[in-house]
Amino acid sequence: ELHTTTVVITHNVAIAAMADRVLRMRNGMIVESVANAAPVDPST
């Protein structure tokens, strides 16, 4: 609604399903960047 760019860091893999894009980090590096074509509603 406010068009605010939002970045959430978490160890909870399930939260990734609601994102437009998911980045995975390991040992101080971004090892994967994946666009999510169909982000889900957080309530699900």
PDB file of all heavy atoms in Angstrom:
ATOM      1  N   GLU A   1       0.809  -1.221   0.000  1.00  0.00           N
ATOM      2  CA  GLU A   1       0.000   0.000   0.000  1.00  0.00           C
ATOM      3  C   GLU A   1       0.844   1.275   0.000  1.00  0.00           C
ATOM      4  O   GLU A   1       0.443   2.292  -0.561  1.00  0.00           O
ATOM      5  CB  GLU A   1      -0.950  -0.004   1.196  1.00  0.00           C
ATOM      6  CG  GLU A   1      -1.994  -1.116   1.123  1.00  0.00           C
ATOM      7  CD  GLU A   1      -3.019  -1.039   2.237  1.00  0.00           C
ATOM      8  OE1 GLU A   1      -3.155   0.041   2.860  1.00  0.00           O
ATOM      9  OE2 GLU A   1      -3.691  -2.061   2.489  1.00  0.00           O
ATOM     10  N   LEU A   2       2.017   1.214   0.632  1.00  0.00           N
ATOM     11  CA  LEU A   2       2.874   2.399   0.692  1.00  0.00           C
ATOM     12  C   LEU A   2       4.045   2.314  -0.285  1.00  0.00           C
ATOM     13  O   LEU A   2       4.822   3.254  -0.386  1.00  0.00           O
ATOM     14  CB  LEU A   2       3.410   2.591   2.119  1.00  0.00           C
ATOM     15  CG  LEU A   2       2.359   2.727   3.220  1.00  0.00           C
ATOM     16  CD1 LEU A   2       3.027   2.900   4.577  1.00  0.00           C
ATOM     17  CD2 LEU A   2       1.422   3.891   2.941  1.00  0.00           C
ATOM     18  N   HIS A   3       4.165   1.170  -0.975  1.00  0.00           N
ATOM     19  CA  HIS A   3       5.234   0.962  -1.962  1.00  0.00           C
ATOM     20  C   HIS A   3       6.623   1.101  -1.336  1.00  0.00           C
ATOM     21  O   HIS A   3       7.554   1.603  -1.963  1.00  0.00           O
ATOM     22  CB  HIS A   3       5.072   1.926  -3.135  1.00  0.00           C
ATOM     23  CG  HIS A   3       3.707   1.910  -3.743  1.00  0.00           C
ATOM     24  ND1 HIS A   3       3.230   0.837  -4.461  1.00  0.00           N
ATOM     25  CD2 HIS A   3       2.707   2.831  -3.710  1.00  0.00           C
ATOM     26  CE1 HIS A   3       1.994   1.103  -4.863  1.00  0.00           C
ATOM     27  NE2 HIS A   3       1.651   2.288  -4.411  1.00  0.00           N
ATOM     28  N   THR A   4       6.739   0.668  -0.093  1.00  0.00           N
ATOM     29  CA  THR A   4       8.008   0.737   0.612  1.00  0.00           C
ATOM     30  C   THR A   4       8.837  -0.505   0.315  1.00  0.00           C
ATOM     31  O   THR A   4       8.384  -1.629   0.555  1.00  0.00           O
ATOM     32  CB  THR A   4       7.774   0.839   2.136  1.00  0.00           C
ATOM     33  OG1 THR A   4       6.979   1.990   2.411  1.00  0.00           O
ATOM     34  CG2 THR A   4       9.081   0.941   2.883  1.00  0.00           C
ATOM     35  N   THR A   5      10.023  -0.321  -0.213  1.00  0.00           N
ATOM     36  CA  THR A   5      10.928  -1.445  -0.419  1.00  0.00           C
ATOM     37  C   THR A   5      11.192  -2.097   0.932  1.00  0.00           C
ATOM     38  O   THR A   5      11.587  -1.421   1.887  1.00  0.00           O
ATOM     39  CB  THR A   5      12.250  -0.965  -1.035  1.00  0.00           C
ATOM     40  OG1 THR A   5      11.966  -0.294  -2.267  1.00  0.00           O
ATOM     41  CG2 THR A   5      13.188  -2.135  -1.291  1.00  0.00           C
ATOM     42  N   THR A   6      10.957  -3.394   1.025  1.00  0.00           N
ATOM     43  CA  THR A   6      11.024  -4.090   2.308  1.00  0.00           C
ATOM     44  C   THR A   6      12.008  -5.246   2.228  1.00  0.00           C
ATOM     45  O   THR A   6      11.941  -6.063   1.318  1.00  0.00           O
ATOM     46  CB  THR A   6       9.632  -4.621   2.705  1.00  0.00           C
ATOM     47  OG1 THR A   6       8.703  -3.527   2.720  1.00  0.00           O
ATOM     48  CG2 THR A   6       9.666  -5.275   4.072  1.00  0.00           C
ATOM     49  N   VAL A   7      12.928  -5.282   3.197  1.00  0.00           N
ATOM     50  CA  VAL A   7      13.920  -6.352   3.274  1.00  0.00           C
ATOM     51  C   VAL A   7      13.780  -7.027   4.634  1.00  0.00           C
ATOM     52  O   VAL A   7      13.870  -6.364   5.670  1.00  0.00           O
ATOM     53  CB  VAL A   7      15.356  -5.822   3.110  1.00  0.00           C
ATOM     54  CG1 VAL A   7      16.359  -6.965   3.170  1.00  0.00           C
ATOM     55  CG2 VAL A   7      15.500  -5.056   1.797  1.00  0.00           C
ATOM     56  N   VAL A   8      13.528  -8.322   4.628  1.00  0.00           N
ATOM     57  CA  VAL A   8      13.380  -9.101   5.858  1.00  0.00           C
ATOM     58  C   VAL A   8      14.478 -10.138   5.909  1.00  0.00           C
ATOM     59  O   VAL A   8      14.617 -10.948   4.980  1.00  0.00           O
ATOM     60  CB  VAL A   8      12.004  -9.800   5.914  1.00  0.00           C
ATOM     61  CG1 VAL A   8      11.904 -10.688   7.157  1.00  0.00           C
ATOM     62  CG2 VAL A   8      10.873  -8.782   5.900  1.00  0.00           C
ATOM     63  N   ILE A   9      15.271 -10.128   6.966  1.00  0.00           N
ATOM     64  CA  ILE A   9      16.248 -11.203   7.139  1.00  0.00           C
ATOM     65  C   ILE A   9      15.709 -12.171   8.180  1.00  0.00           C
ATOM     66  O   ILE A   9      15.103 -11.785   9.181  1.00  0.00           O
ATOM     67  CB  ILE A   9      17.644 -10.684   7.528  1.00  0.00           C
ATOM     68  CG1 ILE A   9      17.648 -10.014   8.895  1.00  0.00           C
ATOM     69  CG2 ILE A   9      18.172  -9.735   6.463  1.00  0.00           C
ATOM     70  CD1 ILE A   9      19.046  -9.694   9.384  1.00  0.00           C
ATOM     71  N   THR A  10      15.902 -13.457   7.903  1.00  0.00           N
ATOM     72  CA  THR A  10      15.348 -14.491   8.766  1.00  0.00           C
ATOM     73  C   THR A  10      16.072 -15.805   8.515  1.00  0.00           C
ATOM     74  O   THR A  10      16.687 -16.000   7.471  1.00  0.00           O
ATOM     75  CB  THR A  10      13.835 -14.663   8.499  1.00  0.00           C
ATOM     76  OG1 THR A  10      13.305 -15.651   9.383  1.00  0.00           O
ATOM     77  CG2 THR A  10      13.562 -15.081   7.068  1.00  0.00           C
ATOM     78  N   HIS A  11      15.998 -16.700   9.482  1.00  0.00           N
ATOM     79  CA  HIS A  11      16.460 -18.066   9.274  1.00  0.00           C
ATOM     80  C   HIS A  11      15.284 -18.987   8.967  1.00  0.00           C
ATOM     81  O   HIS A  11      15.457 -20.179   8.719  1.00  0.00           O
ATOM     82  CB  HIS A  11      17.189 -18.575  10.525  1.00  0.00           C
ATOM     83  CG  HIS A  11      16.286 -18.693  11.715  1.00  0.00           C
ATOM     84  ND1 HIS A  11      15.996 -17.614  12.533  1.00  0.00           N
ATOM     85  CD2 HIS A  11      15.594 -19.736  12.216  1.00  0.00           C
ATOM     86  CE1 HIS A  11      15.162 -18.006  13.485  1.00  0.00           C
ATOM     87  NE2 HIS A  11      14.899 -19.289  13.320  1.00  0.00           N
ATOM     88  N   ASN A  12      14.060 -18.411   8.972  1.00  0.00           N
ATOM     89  CA  ASN A  12      12.830 -19.184   8.774  1.00  0.00           C
ATOM     90  C   ASN A  12      12.542 -19.321   7.273  1.00  0.00           C
ATOM     91  O   ASN A  12      12.068 -18.380   6.636  1.00  0.00           O
ATOM     92  CB  ASN A  12      11.670 -18.493   9.490  1.00  0.00           C
ATOM     93  CG  ASN A  12      10.407 -19.331   9.495  1.00  0.00           C
ATOM     94  OD1 ASN A  12      10.225 -20.206   8.664  1.00  0.00           O
ATOM     95  ND2 ASN A  12       9.529 -19.042  10.441  1.00  0.00           N
ATOM     96  N   VAL A  13      12.791 -20.486   6.725  1.00  0.00           N
ATOM     97  CA  VAL A  13      12.653 -20.709   5.285  1.00  0.00           C
ATOM     98  C   VAL A  13      11.225 -20.489   4.809  1.00  0.00           C
ATOM     99  O   VAL A  13      10.996 -20.039   3.681  1.00  0.00           O
ATOM    100  CB  VAL A  13      13.126 -22.139   4.932  1.00  0.00           C
ATOM    101  CG1 VAL A  13      12.930 -22.426   3.449  1.00  0.00           C
ATOM    102  CG2 VAL A  13      14.589 -22.319   5.307  1.00  0.00           C
ATOM    103  N   ALA A  14      10.238 -20.768   5.653  1.00  0.00           N
ATOM    104  CA  ALA A  14       8.839 -20.657   5.234  1.00  0.00           C
ATOM    105  C   ALA A  14       8.475 -19.237   4.812  1.00  0.00           C
ATOM    106  O   ALA A  14       7.644 -19.037   3.918  1.00  0.00           O
ATOM    107  CB  ALA A  14       7.921 -21.114   6.365  1.00  0.00           C
ATOM    108  N   ILE A  15       9.089 -18.244   5.435  1.00  0.00           N
ATOM    109  CA  ILE A  15       8.756 -16.851   5.143  1.00  0.00           C
ATOM    110  C   ILE A  15       9.119 -16.479   3.706  1.00  0.00           C
ATOM    111  O   ILE A  15       8.531 -15.570   3.111  1.00  0.00           O
ATOM    112  CB  ILE A  15       9.448 -15.917   6.165  1.00  0.00           C
ATOM    113  CG1 ILE A  15       8.864 -16.172   7.561  1.00  0.00           C
ATOM    114  CG2 ILE A  15       9.293 -14.455   5.793  1.00  0.00           C
ATOM    115  CD1 ILE A  15       9.540 -15.394   8.670  1.00  0.00           C
ATOM    116  N   ALA A  16      10.051 -17.204   3.112  1.00  0.00           N
ATOM    117  CA  ALA A  16      10.484 -16.896   1.748  1.00  0.00           C
ATOM    118  C   ALA A  16       9.338 -16.952   0.743  1.00  0.00           C
ATOM    119  O   ALA A  16       9.370 -16.260  -0.284  1.00  0.00           O
ATOM    120  CB  ALA A  16      11.586 -17.867   1.325  1.00  0.00           C
ATOM    121  N   ALA A  17       8.314 -17.738   1.028  1.00  0.00           N
ATOM    122  CA  ALA A  17       7.218 -17.911   0.066  1.00  0.00           C
ATOM    123  C   ALA A  17       6.429 -16.629  -0.171  1.00  0.00           C
ATOM    124  O   ALA A  17       5.744 -16.501  -1.184  1.00  0.00           O
ATOM    125  CB  ALA A  17       6.285 -19.022   0.541  1.00  0.00           C
ATOM    126  N   MET A  18       6.504 -15.659   0.746  1.00  0.00           N
ATOM    127  CA  MET A  18       5.749 -14.421   0.580  1.00  0.00           C
ATOM    128  C   MET A  18       6.549 -13.338  -0.138  1.00  0.00           C
ATOM    129  O   MET A  18       6.036 -12.260  -0.418  1.00  0.00           O
ATOM    130  CB  MET A  18       5.291 -13.889   1.932  1.00  0.00           C
ATOM    131  CG  MET A  18       6.423 -13.438   2.839  1.00  0.00           C
ATOM    132  SD  MET A  18       5.833 -12.710   4.420  1.00  0.00           S
ATOM    133  CE  MET A  18       5.186 -11.135   3.856  1.00  0.00           C
ATOM    134  N   ALA A  19       7.811 -13.607  -0.459  1.00  0.00           N
ATOM    135  CA  ALA A  19       8.693 -12.584  -1.013  1.00  0.00           C
ATOM    136  C   ALA A  19       8.573 -12.474  -2.525  1.00  0.00           C
ATOM    137  O   ALA A  19       8.191 -13.419  -3.215  1.00  0.00           O
ATOM    138  CB  ALA A  19      10.137 -12.908  -0.646  1.00  0.00           C
ATOM    139  N   ASP A  20       8.907 -11.288  -3.042  1.00  0.00           N
ATOM    140  CA  ASP A  20       9.069 -11.123  -4.485  1.00  0.00           C
ATOM    141  C   ASP A  20      10.377 -11.747  -4.947  1.00  0.00           C
ATOM    142  O   ASP A  20      10.480 -12.232  -6.074  1.00  0.00           O
ATOM    143  CB  ASP A  20       9.073  -9.641  -4.858  1.00  0.00           C
ATOM    144  CG  ASP A  20       7.770  -8.948  -4.510  1.00  0.00           C
ATOM    145  OD1 ASP A  20       6.710  -9.547  -4.750  1.00  0.00           O
ATOM    146  OD2 ASP A  20       7.811  -7.817  -4.002  1.00  0.00           O
ATOM    147  N   ARG A  21      11.372 -11.705  -4.046  1.00  0.00           N
ATOM    148  CA  ARG A  21      12.674 -12.273  -4.380  1.00  0.00           C
ATOM    149  C   ARG A  21      13.308 -12.807  -3.109  1.00  0.00           C
ATOM    150  O   ARG A  21      13.135 -12.239  -2.021  1.00  0.00           O
ATOM    151  CB  ARG A  21      13.577 -11.215  -5.014  1.00  0.00           C
ATOM    152  CG  ARG A  21      14.901 -11.741  -5.552  1.00  0.00           C
ATOM    153  CD  ARG A  21      15.472 -10.825  -6.640  1.00  0.00           C
ATOM    154  NE  ARG A  21      15.611  -9.454  -6.207  1.00  0.00           N
ATOM    155  CZ  ARG A  21      16.792  -8.867  -5.950  1.00  0.00           C
ATOM    156  NH1 ARG A  21      17.922  -9.557  -6.064  1.00  0.00           N
ATOM    157  NH2 ARG A  21      16.841  -7.591  -5.587  1.00  0.00           N
ATOM    158  N   VAL A  22      14.034 -13.907  -3.249  1.00  0.00           N
ATOM    159  CA  VAL A  22      14.682 -14.551  -2.109  1.00  0.00           C
ATOM    160  C   VAL A  22      16.184 -14.610  -2.357  1.00  0.00           C
ATOM    161  O   VAL A  22      16.634 -15.080  -3.410  1.00  0.00           O
ATOM    162  CB  VAL A  22      14.135 -15.977  -1.888  1.00  0.00           C
ATOM    163  CG1 VAL A  22      14.821 -16.624  -0.684  1.00  0.00           C
ATOM    164  CG2 VAL A  22      12.623 -15.952  -1.700  1.00  0.00           C
ATOM    165  N   LEU A  23      16.954 -14.127  -1.384  1.00  0.00           N
ATOM    166  CA  LEU A  23      18.402 -14.234  -1.420  1.00  0.00           C
ATOM    167  C   LEU A  23      18.836 -15.204  -0.331  1.00  0.00           C
ATOM    168  O   LEU A  23      18.311 -15.171   0.779  1.00  0.00           O
ATOM    169  CB  LEU A  23      19.059 -12.877  -1.171  1.00  0.00           C
ATOM    170  CG  LEU A  23      18.619 -11.712  -2.059  1.00  0.00           C
ATOM    171  CD1 LEU A  23      19.330 -10.431  -1.629  1.00  0.00           C
ATOM    172  CD2 LEU A  23      18.889 -12.005  -3.520  1.00  0.00           C
ATOM    173  N   ARG A  24      19.786 -16.063  -0.666  1.00  0.00           N
ATOM    174  CA  ARG A  24      20.336 -16.982   0.327  1.00  0.00           C
ATOM    175  C   ARG A  24      21.798 -16.636   0.574  1.00  0.00           C
ATOM    176  O   ARG A  24      22.559 -16.432  -0.385  1.00  0.00           O
ATOM    177  CB  ARG A  24      20.217 -18.436  -0.134  1.00  0.00           C
ATOM    178  CG  ARG A  24      18.767 -18.939  -0.193  1.00  0.00           C
ATOM    179  CD  ARG A  24      18.690 -20.381  -0.667  1.00  0.00           C
ATOM    180  NE  ARG A  24      17.325 -20.836  -0.761  1.00  0.00           N
ATOM    181  CZ  ARG A  24      16.636 -21.392   0.230  1.00  0.00           C
ATOM    182  NH1 ARG A  24      17.221 -21.586   1.401  1.00  0.00           N
ATOM    183  NH2 ARG A  24      15.384 -21.771   0.062  1.00  0.00           N
ATOM    184  N   MET A  25      22.158 -16.566   1.865  1.00  0.00           N
ATOM    185  CA  MET A  25      23.529 -16.244   2.234  1.00  0.00           C
ATOM    186  C   MET A  25      24.182 -17.409   2.954  1.00  0.00           C
ATOM    187  O   MET A  25      23.529 -18.151   3.687  1.00  0.00           O
ATOM    188  CB  MET A  25      23.563 -14.994   3.123  1.00  0.00           C
ATOM    189  CG  MET A  25      23.113 -13.727   2.420  1.00  0.00           C
ATOM    190  SD  MET A  25      23.477 -12.215   3.355  1.00  0.00           S
ATOM    191  CE  MET A  25      25.283 -12.180   3.216  1.00  0.00           C
ATOM    192  N   ARG A  26      25.465 -17.539   2.711  1.00  0.00           N
ATOM    193  CA  ARG A  26      26.260 -18.558   3.392  1.00  0.00           C
ATOM    194  C   ARG A  26      27.705 -18.069   3.450  1.00  0.00           C
ATOM    195  O   ARG A  26      28.244 -17.592   2.442  1.00  0.00           O
ATOM    196  CB  ARG A  26      26.184 -19.891   2.659  1.00  0.00           C
ATOM    197  CG  ARG A  26      26.865 -21.061   3.386  1.00  0.00           C
ATOM    198  CD  ARG A  26      26.775 -22.356   2.602  1.00  0.00           C
ATOM    199  NE  ARG A  26      25.397 -22.695   2.252  1.00  0.00           N
ATOM    200  CZ  ARG A  26      24.962 -22.857   1.016  1.00  0.00           C
ATOM    201  NH1 ARG A  26      25.788 -22.677  -0.008  1.00  0.00           N
ATOM    202  NH2 ARG A  26      23.703 -23.166   0.790  1.00  0.00           N
ATOM    203  N   ASN A  27      28.292 -18.139   4.634  1.00  0.00           N
ATOM    204  CA  ASN A  27      29.699 -17.774   4.813  1.00  0.00           C
ATOM    205  C   ASN A  27      30.012 -16.378   4.279  1.00  0.00           C
ATOM    206  O   ASN A  27      31.047 -16.138   3.651  1.00  0.00           O
ATOM    207  CB  ASN A  27      30.609 -18.803   4.133  1.00  0.00           C
ATOM    208  CG  ASN A  27      30.455 -20.186   4.713  1.00  0.00           C
ATOM    209  OD1 ASN A  27      30.226 -20.338   5.918  1.00  0.00           O
ATOM    210  ND2 ASN A  27      30.563 -21.204   3.878  1.00  0.00           N
ATOM    211  N   GLY A  28      29.097 -15.429   4.529  1.00  0.00           N
ATOM    212  CA  GLY A  28      29.344 -14.051   4.158  1.00  0.00           C
ATOM    213  C   GLY A  28      29.125 -13.727   2.701  1.00  0.00           C
ATOM    214  O   GLY A  28      29.464 -12.622   2.256  1.00  0.00           O
ATOM    215  N   MET A  29      28.524 -14.644   1.959  1.00  0.00           N
ATOM    216  CA  MET A  29      28.306 -14.419   0.532  1.00  0.00           C
ATOM    217  C   MET A  29      26.856 -14.698   0.165  1.00  0.00           C
ATOM    218  O   MET A  29      26.197 -15.518   0.796  1.00  0.00           O
ATOM    219  CB  MET A  29      29.226 -15.324  -0.304  1.00  0.00           C
ATOM    220  CG  MET A  29      30.702 -15.058  -0.118  1.00  0.00           C
ATOM    221  SD  MET A  29      31.736 -16.154  -1.142  1.00  0.00           S
ATOM    222  CE  MET A  29      31.537 -17.686  -0.207  1.00  0.00           C
ATOM    223  N   ILE A  30      26.361 -13.996  -0.864  1.00  0.00           N
ATOM    224  CA  ILE A  30      25.057 -14.327  -1.441  1.00  0.00           C
ATOM    225  C   ILE A  30      25.278 -15.453  -2.439  1.00  0.00           C
ATOM    226  O   ILE A  30      25.966 -15.278  -3.448  1.00  0.00           O
ATOM    227  CB  ILE A  30      24.426 -13.103  -2.131  1.00  0.00           C
ATOM    228  CG1 ILE A  30      24.108 -12.021  -1.090  1.00  0.00           C
ATOM    229  CG2 ILE A  30      23.147 -13.508  -2.863  1.00  0.00           C
ATOM    230  CD1 ILE A  30      23.569 -10.740  -1.684  1.00  0.00           C
ATOM    231  N   VAL A  31      24.724 -16.613  -2.150  1.00  0.00           N
ATOM    232  CA  VAL A  31      24.974 -17.785  -2.978  1.00  0.00           C
ATOM    233  C   VAL A  31      23.826 -18.089  -3.929  1.00  0.00           C
ATOM    234  O   VAL A  31      23.963 -18.927  -4.826  1.00  0.00           O
ATOM    235  CB  VAL A  31      25.269 -19.023  -2.098  1.00  0.00           C
ATOM    236  CG1 VAL A  31      26.544 -18.815  -1.294  1.00  0.00           C
ATOM    237  CG2 VAL A  31      24.096 -19.336  -1.166  1.00  0.00           C
ATOM    238  N   GLU A  32      22.683 -17.398  -3.729  1.00  0.00           N
ATOM    239  CA  GLU A  32      21.539 -17.648  -4.612  1.00  0.00           C
ATOM    240  C   GLU A  32      20.594 -16.453  -4.566  1.00  0.00           C
ATOM    241  O   GLU A  32      20.378 -15.848  -3.516  1.00  0.00           O
ATOM    242  CB  GLU A  32      20.793 -18.913  -4.169  1.00  0.00           C
ATOM    243  CG  GLU A  32      19.663 -19.318  -5.099  1.00  0.00           C
ATOM    244  CD  GLU A  32      18.970 -20.594  -4.629  1.00  0.00           C
ATOM    245  OE1 GLU A  32      18.724 -20.723  -3.405  1.00  0.00           O
ATOM    246  OE2 GLU A  32      18.678 -21.436  -5.485  1.00  0.00           O
ATOM    247  N   SER A  33      20.045 -16.086  -5.712  1.00  0.00           N
ATOM    248  CA  SER A  33      19.020 -15.053  -5.820  1.00  0.00           C
ATOM    249  C   SER A  33      17.926 -15.592  -6.727  1.00  0.00           C
ATOM    250  O   SER A  33      18.178 -15.888  -7.899  1.00  0.00           O
ATOM    251  CB  SER A  33      19.599 -13.760  -6.395  1.00  0.00           C
ATOM    252  OG  SER A  33      18.580 -12.797  -6.595  1.00  0.00           O
ATOM    253  N   VAL A  34      16.697 -15.728  -6.189  1.00  0.00           N
ATOM    254  CA  VAL A  34      15.606 -16.350  -6.928  1.00  0.00           C
ATOM    255  C   VAL A  34      14.382 -15.456  -6.887  1.00  0.00           C
ATOM    256  O   VAL A  34      13.916 -15.065  -5.801  1.00  0.00           O
ATOM    257  CB  VAL A  34      15.254 -17.731  -6.344  1.00  0.00           C
ATOM    258  CG1 VAL A  34      14.092 -18.352  -7.112  1.00  0.00           C
ATOM    259  CG2 VAL A  34      16.463 -18.655  -6.368  1.00  0.00           C
ATOM    260  N   ALA A  35      13.844 -15.118  -8.059  1.00  0.00           N
ATOM    261  CA  ALA A  35      12.592 -14.369  -8.127  1.00  0.00           C
ATOM    262  C   ALA A  35      11.431 -15.314  -7.882  1.00  0.00           C
ATOM    263  O   ALA A  35      11.434 -16.464  -8.337  1.00  0.00           O
ATOM    264  CB  ALA A  35      12.456 -13.700  -9.484  1.00  0.00           C
ATOM    265  N   ASN A  36      10.430 -14.820  -7.163  1.00  0.00           N
ATOM    266  CA  ASN A  36       9.249 -15.618  -6.845  1.00  0.00           C
ATOM    267  C   ASN A  36       8.101 -15.122  -7.720  1.00  0.00           C
ATOM    268  O   ASN A  36       7.601 -14.016  -7.513  1.00  0.00           O
ATOM    269  CB  ASN A  36       8.919 -15.487  -5.363  1.00  0.00           C
ATOM    270  CG  ASN A  36       7.835 -16.437  -4.913  1.00  0.00           C
ATOM    271  OD1 ASN A  36       7.222 -17.131  -5.730  1.00  0.00           O
ATOM    272  ND2 ASN A  36       7.589 -16.472  -3.612  1.00  0.00           N
ATOM    273  N   ALA A  37       7.672 -15.924  -8.662  1.00  0.00           N
ATOM    274  CA  ALA A  37       6.640 -15.499  -9.613  1.00  0.00           C
ATOM    275  C   ALA A  37       5.273 -15.351  -8.956  1.00  0.00           C
ATOM    276  O   ALA A  37       4.430 -14.586  -9.439  1.00  0.00           O
ATOM    277  CB  ALA A  37       6.552 -16.497 -10.767  1.00  0.00           C
ATOM    278  N   ALA A  38       5.032 -16.052  -7.864  1.00  0.00           N
ATOM    279  CA  ALA A  38       3.706 -16.030  -7.235  1.00  0.00           C
ATOM    280  C   ALA A  38       3.838 -15.988  -5.715  1.00  0.00           C
ATOM    281  O   ALA A  38       3.652 -17.017  -5.037  1.00  0.00           O
ATOM    282  CB  ALA A  38       2.896 -17.244  -7.664  1.00  0.00           C
ATOM    283  N   PRO A  39       4.171 -14.818  -5.148  1.00  0.00           N
ATOM    284  CA  PRO A  39       4.258 -14.716  -3.686  1.00  0.00           C
ATOM    285  C   PRO A  39       2.925 -15.063  -3.030  1.00  0.00           C
ATOM    286  O   PRO A  39       1.866 -14.677  -3.514  1.00  0.00           O
ATOM    287  CB  PRO A  39       4.606 -13.239  -3.459  1.00  0.00           C
ATOM    288  CG  PRO A  39       5.187 -12.774  -4.751  1.00  0.00           C
ATOM    289  CD  PRO A  39       4.472 -13.543  -5.819  1.00  0.00           C
ATOM    290  N   VAL A  40       2.987 -15.786  -1.918  1.00  0.00           N
ATOM    291  CA  VAL A  40       1.762 -16.232  -1.256  1.00  0.00           C
ATOM    292  C   VAL A  40       1.351 -15.238  -0.193  1.00  0.00           C
ATOM    293  O   VAL A  40       2.134 -14.404   0.267  1.00  0.00           O
ATOM    294  CB  VAL A  40       1.941 -17.629  -0.626  1.00  0.00           C
ATOM    295  CG1 VAL A  40       2.417 -18.626  -1.660  1.00  0.00           C
ATOM    296  CG2 VAL A  40       2.905 -17.565   0.559  1.00  0.00           C
ATOM    297  N   ASP A  41       0.092 -15.316   0.211  1.00  0.00           N
ATOM    298  CA  ASP A  41      -0.419 -14.508   1.301  1.00  0.00           C
ATOM    299  C   ASP A  41       0.214 -14.990   2.602  1.00  0.00           C
ATOM    300  O   ASP A  41       0.265 -16.197   2.862  1.00  0.00           O
ATOM    301  CB  ASP A  41      -1.945 -14.644   1.382  1.00  0.00           C
ATOM    302  CG  ASP A  41      -2.549 -13.677   2.356  1.00  0.00           C
ATOM    303  OD1 ASP A  41      -2.312 -13.828   3.571  1.00  0.00           O
ATOM    304  OD2 ASP A  41      -3.276 -12.779   1.909  1.00  0.00           O
ATOM    305  N   PRO A  42       0.709 -14.070   3.445  1.00  0.00           N
ATOM    306  CA  PRO A  42       1.360 -14.491   4.700  1.00  0.00           C
ATOM    307  C   PRO A  42       0.469 -15.348   5.587  1.00  0.00           C
ATOM    308  O   PRO A  42       0.975 -16.195   6.331  1.00  0.00           O
ATOM    309  CB  PRO A  42       1.695 -13.152   5.377  1.00  0.00           C
ATOM    310  CG  PRO A  42       1.770 -12.169   4.276  1.00  0.00           C
ATOM    311  CD  PRO A  42       0.774 -12.621   3.253  1.00  0.00           C
ATOM    312  N   SER A  43      -0.849 -15.178   5.503  1.00  0.00           N
ATOM    313  CA  SER A  43      -1.748 -15.949   6.373  1.00  0.00           C
ATOM    314  C   SER A  43      -1.727 -17.429   6.049  1.00  0.00           C
ATOM    315  O   SER A  43      -2.155 -18.257   6.854  1.00  0.00           O
ATOM    316  CB  SER A  43      -3.173 -15.419   6.250  1.00  0.00           C
ATOM    317  OG  SER A  43      -3.692 -15.628   4.939  1.00  0.00           O
ATOM    318  N   THR A  44      -1.228 -17.807   4.867  1.00  0.00           N
ATOM    319  CA  THR A  44      -1.202 -19.206   4.453  1.00  0.00           C
ATOM    320  C   THR A  44       0.128 -19.884   4.772  1.00  0.00           C
ATOM    321  O   THR A  44       0.279 -21.080   4.516  1.00  0.00           O
ATOM    322  CB  THR A  44      -1.477 -19.333   2.952  1.00  0.00           C
ATOM    323  OG1 THR A  44      -0.392 -18.746   2.210  1.00  0.00           O
ATOM    324  CG2 THR A  44      -2.767 -18.635   2.574  1.00  0.00           C
TER     325      THR A  44
END
